[in-house]
Amino acid sequence: MRKIEKIEGLVIRQAKKISLLPAFNNIVSESRNFDVQNIDTTTQEVDKSSLGTAVYSNLVFEEGNYDDLDGNTINYASGGLIFNSAVFIVNVQKNIVKTQVLDRAGTVKEHITQGDYSVSCNCELTGEDGQRPDDLLREIRRILEVPQALTVTSVYLQLFGIEQIVIESSDVAQRKGSRNIIDFNFTASSDIPLEIELLNNL
């Protein structure tokens, strides 16, 4: 392959877009689409729980898979892992390039772009018949071990355009006096799939 030391100009011909993801990643799921424009989340329910009660804030980890470093396909969240009691805090900081100027108060903001959304979520796992929800805990473990962005569905997160997140930290805690209730809390960053153009003439 000829090495190009310097490119003065570049003409792109027959370019196609490819997803910029690590080779072992293989997202196969898509976020479900709630009609958020027509849902008043303060008064209108978005789903029904297994007990028939109204759900106003939900979270679904969508089904997906990936190939691990040994070439094995790992599946997770089969059919979607659903939480019908999720409480969110969404925070965002902008990326700002600041330059100090002599004899001028403050700084000059040269470049301002939107940063990632930071999402904090509190969920609750409830086992049936007073038993610990071991199957849900195993599924949570699979979710936490996924080395890629997770596709999620949530009426609240869709208001911010968030459909994929990367979990950065989490805790799974027993609740004192309640054998069948487990608290699942995590913090995550929003993610947008990045595409690059693959050039056929280089």
Foldseek 3Di string as FASTA:
>chain_A
DDDDPDDPDDDFDPKDKDWPDDPFADFDDAADDDPLVPDDLVPHFDDADPVRDGASKKKKFDWGWTADPVRDIDTAQVVIDIFRDKDKDKDWDWDWDWADDPPDPGTDTDDIGTDWIKMKMKTKFFDPPLAAPVVSVVRVVSVLPDPDWIAMYISVVVVVPAGTKDWDDKDWADDPPRNGMIMIITMIIGDDTDMDIDGPVD
